[in-house]
Amino acid sequence: MPGIEIQPLEDEHLAAAAALLADRHSRHRQAEALLPEFSDFRAQLQRDLDHEQAGGVVALSGDKVVAHLIGRVEEDPLLGDRRAIVDFAGCAAAEGQGETIRDLYAALAARWVAAGATRHLALIPASDEALMDPWLRLAFGVQYVWAVRETAAMKPVEAHVEIRAGKPDDLELVAQLDRSLYEHQAGPPSFSGLAIPSDEEFRADWSDLWDDPELYTHFVAERAGRPVGHLVLFRRPTGDLRVPNSNIDLSHAATLPAARRSGVSLALTGHALTWAHEHGFRSMTTDWRSVNLLSARHWPRRGFRPTYYRLYRALP
């Protein structure tokens, strides 16, 4: 871009980059008050830079930092290949400098591809259209949504279900529910491309769900004495730009296919929001794939507001 110089992000640039991030987050909190408050944005940048195979670049106009981009290359635990990711603090630009993000991406992406990462992800504030625009014009699209809402005492839903605490005896149910979610996301329009694990692998993945009740809370919905769905709450660690204090995360929810669209998830979600409110949690976060049509329509209707989008691009 004319008048802009691209340089590696060094210690001398961190204070200016932190100021850009602080301004971005301030605007973000004006759009969503439940986002966490921070004062040390330099620490947020350093958090991203401390990852293995992480690096950053800055755009300079004269001697002034007008944008920064930080990304890392990592192994994808699901697909088994390499991907590059720009995390929550990894991208910010001064007003009117969004176009420079495209130059910064060009500089970093060359390194990512050389390192074998041809799938690129960027976590961008959902309310920041000016910052989103350059990524969309780089052939990225919305793949994933993070969201938040207040907890509250909810009116019980008449879905003819009883909701109880989950227990280790529910392992087979939980494995079956997770399989149904994998199968749903393997179909159109999601086409996740993920291999569906064996029943034994599903059971192994979920076998420790009940080991630490201070970390996980599990609810099961039953209809006529038969389990039809579940919901898992998780005390997700704070410390990044996404997760508020006094928050609990709705980390997994699924309904058996035969019981979908019958109010099971409505009842479970209302129960979880009420439980969280009664136990002193101020907010609840969750996330979903934007191409999962059931989730993409269900969670916003339950009052969850997008905070970040994960933008995605796969190179040919």
C-alpha atoms as a PDB file:
ATOM      1  CA  MET A   1       0.000   0.000   0.000  1.00  0.00           C
ATOM      2  CA  PRO A   2       1.489   3.408  -0.938  1.00  0.00           C
ATOM      3  CA  GLY A   3       3.069   5.251   1.980  1.00  0.00           C
ATOM      4  CA  ILE A   4       3.089   2.166   4.203  1.00  0.00           C
ATOM      5  CA  GLU A   5       6.151   0.186   5.272  1.00  0.00           C
ATOM      6  CA  ILE A   6       5.793  -3.390   6.549  1.00  0.00           C
ATOM      7  CA  GLN A   7       8.217  -4.470   9.277  1.00  0.00           C
ATOM      8  CA  PRO A   8       8.476  -7.408  11.692  1.00  0.00           C
ATOM      9  CA  LEU A   9       6.773  -6.684  15.009  1.00  0.00           C
ATOM     10  CA  GLU A  10       9.538  -6.007  17.542  1.00  0.00           C
ATOM     11  CA  ASP A  11       9.542  -4.984  21.206  1.00  0.00           C
ATOM     12  CA  GLU A  12       9.809  -1.343  20.169  1.00  0.00           C
ATOM     13  CA  HIS A  13       6.393  -1.619  18.457  1.00  0.00           C
ATOM     14  CA  LEU A  14       4.490  -3.301  21.286  1.00  0.00           C
ATOM     15  CA  ALA A  15       3.355  -0.151  23.101  1.00  0.00           C
ATOM     16  CA  ALA A  16       1.864   1.351  19.924  1.00  0.00           C
ATOM     17  CA  ALA A  17       0.284  -1.954  18.900  1.00  0.00           C
ATOM     18  CA  ALA A  18      -1.199  -2.303  22.390  1.00  0.00           C
ATOM     19  CA  ALA A  19      -2.757   1.155  22.043  1.00  0.00           C
ATOM     20  CA  LEU A  20      -4.394   0.086  18.761  1.00  0.00           C
ATOM     21  CA  LEU A  21      -5.721  -3.056  20.445  1.00  0.00           C
ATOM     22  CA  ALA A  22      -7.015  -1.070  23.428  1.00  0.00           C
ATOM     23  CA  ASP A  23      -8.926   1.237  21.096  1.00  0.00           C
ATOM     24  CA  ARG A  24     -10.367  -1.736  19.185  1.00  0.00           C
ATOM     25  CA  HIS A  25     -11.478  -3.436  22.392  1.00  0.00           C
ATOM     26  CA  SER A  26     -13.006  -0.221  23.729  1.00  0.00           C
ATOM     27  CA  ARG A  27     -15.192   0.027  20.626  1.00  0.00           C
ATOM     28  CA  HIS A  28     -16.002  -3.656  20.937  1.00  0.00           C
ATOM     29  CA  ARG A  29     -17.161  -3.221  24.540  1.00  0.00           C
ATOM     30  CA  GLN A  30     -19.370  -0.337  23.488  1.00  0.00           C
ATOM     31  CA  ALA A  31     -21.127  -2.812  21.203  1.00  0.00           C
ATOM     32  CA  GLU A  32     -21.124  -5.649  23.789  1.00  0.00           C
ATOM     33  CA  ALA A  33     -20.854  -4.646  27.450  1.00  0.00           C
ATOM     34  CA  LEU A  34     -20.385  -8.236  28.671  1.00  0.00           C
ATOM     35  CA  LEU A  35     -16.906  -8.471  27.157  1.00  0.00           C
ATOM     36  CA  PRO A  36     -14.087  -8.452  29.751  1.00  0.00           C
ATOM     37  CA  GLU A  37     -12.351  -5.289  30.859  1.00  0.00           C
ATOM     38  CA  PHE A  38      -8.565  -5.048  30.474  1.00  0.00           C
ATOM     39  CA  SER A  39      -5.868  -2.524  31.201  1.00  0.00           C
ATOM     40  CA  ASP A  40      -2.728  -4.412  30.068  1.00  0.00           C
ATOM     41  CA  PHE A  41      -3.138  -4.883  26.333  1.00  0.00           C
ATOM     42  CA  ARG A  42       0.584  -5.357  25.859  1.00  0.00           C
ATOM     43  CA  ALA A  43       0.221  -8.575  27.863  1.00  0.00           C
ATOM     44  CA  GLN A  44      -2.534  -9.687  25.470  1.00  0.00           C
ATOM     45  CA  LEU A  45      -0.177  -9.194  22.518  1.00  0.00           C
ATOM     46  CA  GLN A  46       2.619 -10.999  24.309  1.00  0.00           C
ATOM     47  CA  ARG A  47       0.256 -13.861  25.052  1.00  0.00           C
ATOM     48  CA  ASP A  48      -0.219 -14.363  21.303  1.00  0.00           C
ATOM     49  CA  LEU A  49       3.469 -13.927  20.522  1.00  0.00           C
ATOM     50  CA  ASP A  50       4.504 -16.493  23.137  1.00  0.00           C
ATOM     51  CA  HIS A  51       2.938 -19.362  21.201  1.00  0.00           C
ATOM     52  CA  GLU A  52       5.314 -21.645  19.347  1.00  0.00           C
ATOM     53  CA  GLN A  53       5.775 -20.686  15.700  1.00  0.00           C
ATOM     54  CA  ALA A  54       4.161 -17.278  16.285  1.00  0.00           C
ATOM     55  CA  GLY A  55       5.229 -14.074  14.628  1.00  0.00           C
ATOM     56  CA  GLY A  56       3.917 -10.637  13.850  1.00  0.00           C
ATOM     57  CA  VAL A  57       4.217  -7.706  11.495  1.00  0.00           C
ATOM     58  CA  VAL A  58       3.319  -4.025  11.728  1.00  0.00           C
ATOM     59  CA  ALA A  59       2.384  -1.363   9.206  1.00  0.00           C
ATOM     60  CA  LEU A  60       4.248   1.938   9.602  1.00  0.00           C
ATOM     61  CA  SER A  61       3.177   5.287   8.238  1.00  0.00           C
ATOM     62  CA  GLY A  62       6.319   7.311   8.764  1.00  0.00           C
ATOM     63  CA  ASP A  63       7.355   6.226  12.238  1.00  0.00           C
ATOM     64  CA  LYS A  64       3.794   5.588  13.438  1.00  0.00           C
ATOM     65  CA  VAL A  65       2.376   2.069  13.866  1.00  0.00           C
ATOM     66  CA  VAL A  66      -1.036   2.071  12.141  1.00  0.00           C
ATOM     67  CA  ALA A  67      -1.828  -1.664  12.153  1.00  0.00           C
ATOM     68  CA  HIS A  68      -0.529  -4.956  13.468  1.00  0.00           C
ATOM     69  CA  LEU A  69      -1.050  -8.632  12.693  1.00  0.00           C
ATOM     70  CA  ILE A  70       0.096 -11.598  14.778  1.00  0.00           C
ATOM     71  CA  GLY A  71      -0.359 -15.217  13.787  1.00  0.00           C
ATOM     72  CA  ARG A  72       0.964 -18.668  14.524  1.00  0.00           C
ATOM     73  CA  VAL A  73       1.213 -22.017  12.766  1.00  0.00           C
ATOM     74  CA  GLU A  74      -0.034 -25.046  14.669  1.00  0.00           C
ATOM     75  CA  GLU A  75      -1.063 -28.649  14.190  1.00  0.00           C
ATOM     76  CA  ASP A  76      -4.806 -29.091  13.741  1.00  0.00           C
ATOM     77  CA  PRO A  77      -5.880 -31.759  16.270  1.00  0.00           C
ATOM     78  CA  LEU A  78      -8.964 -32.731  14.240  1.00  0.00           C
ATOM     79  CA  LEU A  79      -7.736 -32.772  10.650  1.00  0.00           C
ATOM     80  CA  GLY A  80      -4.127 -33.689  11.395  1.00  0.00           C
ATOM     81  CA  ASP A  81      -2.589 -31.044   9.136  1.00  0.00           C
ATOM     82  CA  ARG A  82      -1.171 -27.586   9.775  1.00  0.00           C
ATOM     83  CA  ARG A  83      -3.141 -24.377  10.015  1.00  0.00           C
ATOM     84  CA  ALA A  84      -2.359 -20.719  10.710  1.00  0.00           C
ATOM     85  CA  ILE A  85      -4.424 -18.699  13.159  1.00  0.00           C
ATOM     86  CA  VAL A  86      -4.739 -15.037  14.115  1.00  0.00           C
ATOM     87  CA  ASP A  87      -6.009 -15.079  17.703  1.00  0.00           C
ATOM     88  CA  PHE A  88      -8.299 -12.680  19.591  1.00  0.00           C
ATOM     89  CA  ALA A  89      -5.635  -9.981  20.069  1.00  0.00           C
ATOM     90  CA  GLY A  90      -3.868 -10.594  16.786  1.00  0.00           C
ATOM     91  CA  CYS A  91      -5.303  -7.889  14.539  1.00  0.00           C
ATOM     92  CA  ALA A  92      -5.974  -4.164  14.958  1.00  0.00           C
ATOM     93  CA  ALA A  93      -5.751  -1.060  12.807  1.00  0.00           C
ATOM     94  CA  ALA A  94      -6.073   2.671  13.250  1.00  0.00           C
ATOM     95  CA  GLU A  95      -9.153   4.392  11.840  1.00  0.00           C
ATOM     96  CA  GLY A  96      -9.043   4.417   8.054  1.00  0.00           C
ATOM     97  CA  GLN A  97      -6.160   1.900   7.920  1.00  0.00           C
ATOM     98  CA  GLY A  98      -8.096  -1.330   7.441  1.00  0.00           C
ATOM     99  CA  GLU A  99      -6.681  -1.762   3.936  1.00  0.00           C
ATOM    100  CA  THR A 100      -3.197  -2.204   5.416  1.00  0.00           C
ATOM    101  CA  ILE A 101      -4.399  -5.479   6.964  1.00  0.00           C
ATOM    102  CA  ARG A 102      -4.295  -6.966   3.459  1.00  0.00           C
ATOM    103  CA  ASP A 103      -0.622  -6.049   3.121  1.00  0.00           C
ATOM    104  CA  LEU A 104       0.151  -7.453   6.569  1.00  0.00           C
ATOM    105  CA  TYR A 105      -1.643 -10.686   5.683  1.00  0.00           C
ATOM    106  CA  ALA A 106       0.357 -10.982   2.475  1.00  0.00           C
ATOM    107  CA  ALA A 107       3.577 -10.721   4.488  1.00  0.00           C
ATOM    108  CA  LEU A 108       2.597 -13.271   7.140  1.00  0.00           C
ATOM    109  CA  ALA A 109       0.754 -15.672   4.844  1.00  0.00           C
ATOM    110  CA  ALA A 110       3.900 -16.239   2.808  1.00  0.00           C
ATOM    111  CA  ARG A 111       5.587 -17.552   5.969  1.00  0.00           C
ATOM    112  CA  TRP A 112       2.575 -19.694   6.847  1.00  0.00           C
ATOM    113  CA  VAL A 113       2.477 -21.375   3.462  1.00  0.00           C
ATOM    114  CA  ALA A 114       6.242 -21.967   3.594  1.00  0.00           C
ATOM    115  CA  ALA A 115       5.633 -23.685   6.952  1.00  0.00           C
ATOM    116  CA  GLY A 116       3.043 -25.974   5.372  1.00  0.00           C
ATOM    117  CA  ALA A 117      -0.131 -24.206   6.556  1.00  0.00           C
ATOM    118  CA  THR A 118      -2.600 -23.670   3.718  1.00  0.00           C
ATOM    119  CA  ARG A 119      -5.708 -23.245   5.906  1.00  0.00           C
ATOM    120  CA  HIS A 120      -5.839 -19.783   7.510  1.00  0.00           C
ATOM    121  CA  LEU A 121      -8.088 -18.543  10.329  1.00  0.00           C
ATOM    122  CA  ALA A 122      -8.593 -15.072  11.815  1.00  0.00           C
ATOM    123  CA  LEU A 123     -10.616 -14.261  14.961  1.00  0.00           C
ATOM    124  CA  ILE A 124     -12.191 -10.847  14.400  1.00  0.00           C
ATOM    125  CA  PRO A 125     -14.669  -8.817  16.524  1.00  0.00           C
ATOM    126  CA  ALA A 126     -18.148  -9.426  15.128  1.00  0.00           C
ATOM    127  CA  SER A 127     -19.182  -5.783  15.481  1.00  0.00           C
ATOM    128  CA  ASP A 128     -16.104  -4.281  13.759  1.00  0.00           C
ATOM    129  CA  GLU A 129     -17.201  -4.004  10.122  1.00  0.00           C
ATOM    130  CA  ALA A 130     -14.215  -1.869   9.173  1.00  0.00           C
ATOM    131  CA  LEU A 131     -11.816  -4.548  10.411  1.00  0.00           C
ATOM    132  CA  MET A 132     -13.876  -7.368   8.925  1.00  0.00           C
ATOM    133  CA  ASP A 133     -13.962  -5.861   5.426  1.00  0.00           C
ATOM    134  CA  PRO A 134     -10.299  -6.387   4.437  1.00  0.00           C
ATOM    135  CA  TRP A 135     -10.491 -10.042   5.466  1.00  0.00           C
ATOM    136  CA  LEU A 136     -13.608 -10.620   3.379  1.00  0.00           C
ATOM    137  CA  ARG A 137     -11.794  -9.061   0.417  1.00  0.00           C
ATOM    138  CA  LEU A 138      -8.957 -11.531   1.033  1.00  0.00           C
ATOM    139  CA  ALA A 139     -11.382 -14.387   0.239  1.00  0.00           C
ATOM    140  CA  PHE A 140     -12.122 -15.253   3.870  1.00  0.00           C
ATOM    141  CA  GLY A 141     -15.606 -16.246   4.993  1.00  0.00           C
ATOM    142  CA  VAL A 142     -17.358 -16.687   8.344  1.00  0.00           C
ATOM    143  CA  GLN A 143     -16.851 -20.225   9.625  1.00  0.00           C
ATOM    144  CA  TYR A 144     -17.426 -20.044  13.376  1.00  0.00           C
ATOM    145  CA  VAL A 145     -19.241 -17.796  15.842  1.00  0.00           C
ATOM    146  CA  TRP A 146     -18.487 -17.030  19.494  1.00  0.00           C
ATOM    147  CA  ALA A 147     -21.340 -15.437  21.431  1.00  0.00           C
ATOM    148  CA  VAL A 148     -22.495 -14.321  24.881  1.00  0.00           C
ATOM    149  CA  ARG A 149     -25.655 -13.424  26.769  1.00  0.00           C
ATOM    150  CA  GLU A 150     -26.717 -12.626  30.314  1.00  0.00           C
ATOM    151  CA  THR A 151     -27.824 -15.423  32.611  1.00  0.00           C
ATOM    152  CA  ALA A 152     -31.365 -15.089  33.958  1.00  0.00           C
ATOM    153  CA  ALA A 153     -34.148 -16.856  35.790  1.00  0.00           C
ATOM    154  CA  MET A 154     -36.041 -18.291  32.836  1.00  0.00           C
ATOM    155  CA  LYS A 155     -39.645 -19.338  32.623  1.00  0.00           C
ATOM    156  CA  PRO A 156     -39.822 -23.167  32.392  1.00  0.00           C
ATOM    157  CA  VAL A 157     -40.504 -24.499  28.906  1.00  0.00           C
ATOM    158  CA  GLU A 158     -43.419 -26.889  28.423  1.00  0.00           C
ATOM    159  CA  ALA A 159     -41.626 -29.612  26.500  1.00  0.00           C
ATOM    160  CA  HIS A 160     -42.813 -32.615  28.527  1.00  0.00           C
ATOM    161  CA  VAL A 161     -39.292 -33.341  29.750  1.00  0.00           C
ATOM    162  CA  GLU A 162     -37.689 -33.753  33.133  1.00  0.00           C
ATOM    163  CA  ILE A 163     -34.189 -32.345  33.553  1.00  0.00           C
ATOM    164  CA  ARG A 164     -31.800 -33.999  35.976  1.00  0.00           C
ATOM    165  CA  ALA A 165     -28.104 -33.938  36.798  1.00  0.00           C
ATOM    166  CA  GLY A 166     -25.971 -36.103  34.569  1.00  0.00           C
ATOM    167  CA  LYS A 167     -24.039 -39.047  35.987  1.00  0.00           C
ATOM    168  CA  PRO A 168     -21.372 -41.526  34.834  1.00  0.00           C
ATOM    169  CA  ASP A 169     -24.100 -43.992  33.855  1.00  0.00           C
ATOM    170  CA  ASP A 170     -24.989 -41.538  31.065  1.00  0.00           C
ATOM    171  CA  LEU A 171     -21.733 -42.181  29.187  1.00  0.00           C
ATOM    172  CA  GLU A 172     -23.405 -44.210  26.440  1.00  0.00           C
ATOM    173  CA  LEU A 173     -26.017 -41.465  25.945  1.00  0.00           C
ATOM    174  CA  VAL A 174     -23.373 -38.721  25.766  1.00  0.00           C
ATOM    175  CA  ALA A 175     -21.338 -40.692  23.230  1.00  0.00           C
ATOM    176  CA  GLN A 176     -24.478 -41.244  21.144  1.00  0.00           C
ATOM    177  CA  LEU A 177     -25.353 -37.534  21.272  1.00  0.00           C
ATOM    178  CA  ASP A 178     -21.862 -36.491  20.225  1.00  0.00           C
ATOM    179  CA  ARG A 179     -21.971 -38.962  17.341  1.00  0.00           C
ATOM    180  CA  SER A 180     -25.293 -37.478  16.193  1.00  0.00           C
ATOM    181  CA  LEU A 181     -23.704 -34.006  16.180  1.00  0.00           C
ATOM    182  CA  TYR A 182     -20.716 -35.225  14.145  1.00  0.00           C
ATOM    183  CA  GLU A 183     -23.058 -36.897  11.673  1.00  0.00           C
ATOM    184  CA  HIS A 184     -25.198 -33.779  11.364  1.00  0.00           C
ATOM    185  CA  GLN A 185     -22.164 -31.584  10.654  1.00  0.00           C
ATOM    186  CA  ALA A 186     -20.803 -34.047   8.114  1.00  0.00           C
ATOM    187  CA  GLY A 187     -23.867 -33.450   5.933  1.00  0.00           C
ATOM    188  CA  PRO A 188     -24.967 -30.432   3.884  1.00  0.00           C
ATOM    189  CA  PRO A 189     -24.379 -27.555   4.041  1.00  0.00           C
ATOM    190  CA  SER A 190     -21.648 -28.038   6.635  1.00  0.00           C
ATOM    191  CA  PHE A 191     -19.600 -30.780   4.957  1.00  0.00           C
ATOM    192  CA  SER A 192     -17.202 -30.713   7.916  1.00  0.00           C
ATOM    193  CA  GLY A 193     -14.827 -33.250   6.399  1.00  0.00           C
ATOM    194  CA  LEU A 194     -14.126 -34.658   9.853  1.00  0.00           C
ATOM    195  CA  ALA A 195     -13.769 -38.410  10.238  1.00  0.00           C
ATOM    196  CA  ILE A 196     -16.460 -39.746  12.573  1.00  0.00           C
ATOM    197  CA  PRO A 197     -14.799 -41.531  15.500  1.00  0.00           C
ATOM    198  CA  SER A 198     -15.752 -45.021  16.610  1.00  0.00           C
ATOM    199  CA  ASP A 199     -18.195 -45.542  19.491  1.00  0.00           C
ATOM    200  CA  GLU A 200     -15.239 -46.565  21.629  1.00  0.00           C
ATOM    201  CA  GLU A 201     -13.438 -43.300  20.842  1.00  0.00           C
ATOM    202  CA  PHE A 202     -16.537 -41.254  21.676  1.00  0.00           C
ATOM    203  CA  ARG A 203     -16.839 -43.037  25.018  1.00  0.00           C
ATOM    204  CA  ALA A 204     -13.153 -42.491  25.778  1.00  0.00           C
ATOM    205  CA  ASP A 205     -13.406 -38.774  24.956  1.00  0.00           C
ATOM    206  CA  TRP A 206     -16.296 -38.269  27.383  1.00  0.00           C
ATOM    207  CA  SER A 207     -15.366 -40.718  30.129  1.00  0.00           C
ATOM    208  CA  ASP A 208     -13.978 -38.054  32.499  1.00  0.00           C
ATOM    209  CA  LEU A 209     -16.919 -35.626  32.206  1.00  0.00           C
ATOM    210  CA  TRP A 210     -18.058 -36.311  35.764  1.00  0.00           C
ATOM    211  CA  ASP A 211     -14.604 -36.425  37.408  1.00  0.00           C
ATOM    212  CA  ASP A 212     -14.480 -32.722  38.337  1.00  0.00           C
ATOM    213  CA  PRO A 213     -17.869 -31.195  39.249  1.00  0.00           C
ATOM    214  CA  GLU A 214     -16.137 -27.855  39.881  1.00  0.00           C
ATOM    215  CA  LEU A 215     -15.191 -27.734  36.200  1.00  0.00           C
ATOM    216  CA  TYR A 216     -18.180 -29.320  34.430  1.00  0.00           C
ATOM    217  CA  THR A 217     -21.913 -29.364  35.108  1.00  0.00           C
ATOM    218  CA  HIS A 218     -23.979 -31.850  33.137  1.00  0.00           C
ATOM    219  CA  PHE A 219     -27.749 -31.897  32.607  1.00  0.00           C
ATOM    220  CA  VAL A 220     -29.829 -34.612  30.939  1.00  0.00           C
ATOM    221  CA  ALA A 221     -33.374 -34.205  29.603  1.00  0.00           C
ATOM    222  CA  GLU A 222     -35.701 -37.204  29.833  1.00  0.00           C
ATOM    223  CA  ARG A 223     -39.082 -37.713  28.237  1.00  0.00           C
ATOM    224  CA  ALA A 224     -41.312 -40.525  29.534  1.00  0.00           C
ATOM    225  CA  GLY A 225     -38.288 -41.845  31.419  1.00  0.00           C
ATOM    226  CA  ARG A 226     -36.033 -42.003  28.334  1.00  0.00           C
ATOM    227  CA  PRO A 227     -33.083 -39.609  27.830  1.00  0.00           C
ATOM    228  CA  VAL A 228     -33.454 -37.419  24.745  1.00  0.00           C
ATOM    229  CA  GLY A 229     -30.816 -34.728  25.108  1.00  0.00           C
ATOM    230  CA  HIS A 230     -28.087 -33.177  27.238  1.00  0.00           C
ATOM    231  CA  LEU A 231     -26.211 -29.951  27.927  1.00  0.00           C
ATOM    232  CA  VAL A 232     -22.726 -29.401  29.388  1.00  0.00           C
ATOM    233  CA  LEU A 233     -21.552 -26.255  31.194  1.00  0.00           C
ATOM    234  CA  PHE A 234     -17.820 -25.557  31.540  1.00  0.00           C
ATOM    235  CA  ARG A 235     -15.932 -23.076  33.737  1.00  0.00           C
ATOM    236  CA  ARG A 236     -13.851 -21.750  30.858  1.00  0.00           C
ATOM    237  CA  PRO A 237     -10.676 -19.948  31.974  1.00  0.00           C
ATOM    238  CA  THR A 238     -10.662 -16.173  31.706  1.00  0.00           C
ATOM    239  CA  GLY A 239      -7.735 -13.985  30.680  1.00  0.00           C
ATOM    240  CA  ASP A 240      -8.330 -13.433  26.960  1.00  0.00           C
ATOM    241  CA  LEU A 241     -10.392 -10.776  25.190  1.00  0.00           C
ATOM    242  CA  ARG A 242     -13.399 -13.051  24.785  1.00  0.00           C
ATOM    243  CA  VAL A 243     -14.317 -14.672  28.127  1.00  0.00           C
ATOM    244  CA  PRO A 244     -15.864 -12.371  30.777  1.00  0.00           C
ATOM    245  CA  ASN A 245     -15.383 -12.746  34.508  1.00  0.00           C
ATOM    246  CA  SER A 246     -18.208 -14.503  36.395  1.00  0.00           C
ATOM    247  CA  ASN A 247     -18.919 -16.454  33.218  1.00  0.00           C
ATOM    248  CA  ILE A 248     -19.795 -20.048  32.447  1.00  0.00           C
ATOM    249  CA  ASP A 249     -19.582 -21.639  29.019  1.00  0.00           C
ATOM    250  CA  LEU A 250     -22.277 -23.698  27.335  1.00  0.00           C
ATOM    251  CA  SER A 251     -19.770 -26.048  25.761  1.00  0.00           C
ATOM    252  CA  HIS A 252     -21.924 -28.856  24.371  1.00  0.00           C
ATOM    253  CA  ALA A 253     -25.621 -29.397  23.744  1.00  0.00           C
ATOM    254  CA  ALA A 254     -27.316 -32.015  21.613  1.00  0.00           C
ATOM    255  CA  THR A 255     -30.705 -33.635  21.134  1.00  0.00           C
ATOM    256  CA  LEU A 256     -31.310 -37.077  19.700  1.00  0.00           C
ATOM    257  CA  PRO A 257     -32.460 -36.713  16.065  1.00  0.00           C
ATOM    258  CA  ALA A 258     -35.901 -38.210  16.732  1.00  0.00           C
ATOM    259  CA  ALA A 259     -36.569 -35.600  19.441  1.00  0.00           C
ATOM    260  CA  ARG A 260     -35.325 -32.495  17.608  1.00  0.00           C
ATOM    261  CA  ARG A 261     -37.715 -29.555  17.156  1.00  0.00           C
ATOM    262  CA  SER A 262     -39.814 -30.732  20.125  1.00  0.00           C
ATOM    263  CA  GLY A 263     -38.560 -28.255  22.732  1.00  0.00           C
ATOM    264  CA  VAL A 264     -35.826 -30.367  24.320  1.00  0.00           C
ATOM    265  CA  SER A 265     -33.042 -27.860  23.691  1.00  0.00           C
ATOM    266  CA  LEU A 266     -35.291 -24.965  24.732  1.00  0.00           C
ATOM    267  CA  ALA A 267     -35.949 -26.657  28.059  1.00  0.00           C
ATOM    268  CA  LEU A 268     -32.286 -27.524  28.617  1.00  0.00           C
ATOM    269  CA  THR A 269     -31.070 -24.031  27.719  1.00  0.00           C
ATOM    270  CA  GLY A 270     -33.627 -22.345  29.981  1.00  0.00           C
ATOM    271  CA  HIS A 271     -32.699 -24.696  32.816  1.00  0.00           C
ATOM    272  CA  ALA A 272     -28.977 -23.990  32.332  1.00  0.00           C
ATOM    273  CA  LEU A 273     -29.446 -20.205  32.250  1.00  0.00           C
ATOM    274  CA  THR A 274     -31.514 -20.342  35.422  1.00  0.00           C
ATOM    275  CA  TRP A 275     -29.032 -22.627  37.174  1.00  0.00           C
ATOM    276  CA  ALA A 276     -26.130 -20.349  36.190  1.00  0.00           C
ATOM    277  CA  HIS A 277     -28.005 -17.253  37.389  1.00  0.00           C
ATOM    278  CA  GLU A 278     -28.776 -18.893  40.746  1.00  0.00           C
ATOM    279  CA  HIS A 279     -25.128 -19.896  41.160  1.00  0.00           C
ATOM    280  CA  GLY A 280     -23.765 -16.386  40.663  1.00  0.00           C
ATOM    281  CA  PHE A 281     -22.658 -16.485  37.042  1.00  0.00           C
ATOM    282  CA  ARG A 282     -23.299 -13.180  35.303  1.00  0.00           C
ATOM    283  CA  SER A 283     -22.914 -14.328  31.715  1.00  0.00           C
ATOM    284  CA  MET A 284     -22.899 -17.428  29.548  1.00  0.00           C
ATOM    285  CA  THR A 285     -20.791 -17.921  26.424  1.00  0.00           C
ATOM    286  CA  THR A 286     -21.237 -20.436  23.653  1.00  0.00           C
ATOM    287  CA  ASP A 287     -20.096 -21.026  20.077  1.00  0.00           C
ATOM    288  CA  TRP A 288     -21.242 -22.712  16.904  1.00  0.00           C
ATOM    289  CA  ARG A 289     -20.313 -23.368  13.280  1.00  0.00           C
ATOM    290  CA  SER A 290     -22.048 -20.836  11.085  1.00  0.00           C
ATOM    291  CA  VAL A 291     -22.763 -23.525   8.479  1.00  0.00           C
ATOM    292  CA  ASN A 292     -24.584 -25.696  11.031  1.00  0.00           C
ATOM    293  CA  LEU A 293     -28.050 -24.383  10.223  1.00  0.00           C
ATOM    294  CA  LEU A 294     -29.716 -25.775  13.352  1.00  0.00           C
ATOM    295  CA  SER A 295     -27.193 -24.124  15.681  1.00  0.00           C
ATOM    296  CA  ALA A 296     -26.874 -20.918  13.658  1.00  0.00           C
ATOM    297  CA  ARG A 297     -30.616 -20.306  14.001  1.00  0.00           C
ATOM    298  CA  HIS A 298     -31.181 -21.758  17.464  1.00  0.00           C
ATOM    299  CA  TRP A 299     -28.613 -19.906  19.597  1.00  0.00           C
ATOM    300  CA  PRO A 300     -29.312 -16.328  18.413  1.00  0.00           C
ATOM    301  CA  ARG A 301     -33.002 -16.967  19.107  1.00  0.00           C
ATOM    302  CA  ARG A 302     -31.996 -17.908  22.652  1.00  0.00           C
ATOM    303  CA  GLY A 303     -30.488 -14.448  23.082  1.00  0.00           C
ATOM    304  CA  PHE A 304     -26.823 -15.193  22.358  1.00  0.00           C
ATOM    305  CA  ARG A 305     -25.120 -12.250  20.643  1.00  0.00           C
ATOM    306  CA  PRO A 306     -22.037 -12.779  18.431  1.00  0.00           C
ATOM    307  CA  THR A 307     -18.817 -11.378  19.857  1.00  0.00           C
ATOM    308  CA  TYR A 308     -16.190 -12.832  17.500  1.00  0.00           C
ATOM    309  CA  TYR A 309     -16.236 -14.490  14.113  1.00  0.00           C
ATOM    310  CA  ARG A 310     -13.652 -17.024  13.073  1.00  0.00           C
ATOM    311  CA  LEU A 311     -12.936 -16.196   9.457  1.00  0.00           C
ATOM    312  CA  TYR A 312     -11.537 -18.977   7.292  1.00  0.00           C
ATOM    313  CA  ARG A 313      -9.707 -19.377   4.023  1.00  0.00           C
ATOM    314  CA  ALA A 314      -8.394 -22.592   2.458  1.00  0.00           C
ATOM    315  CA  LEU A 315      -5.793 -22.115  -0.266  1.00  0.00           C
ATOM    316  CA  PRO A 316      -6.021 -24.223  -3.438  1.00  0.00           C
END
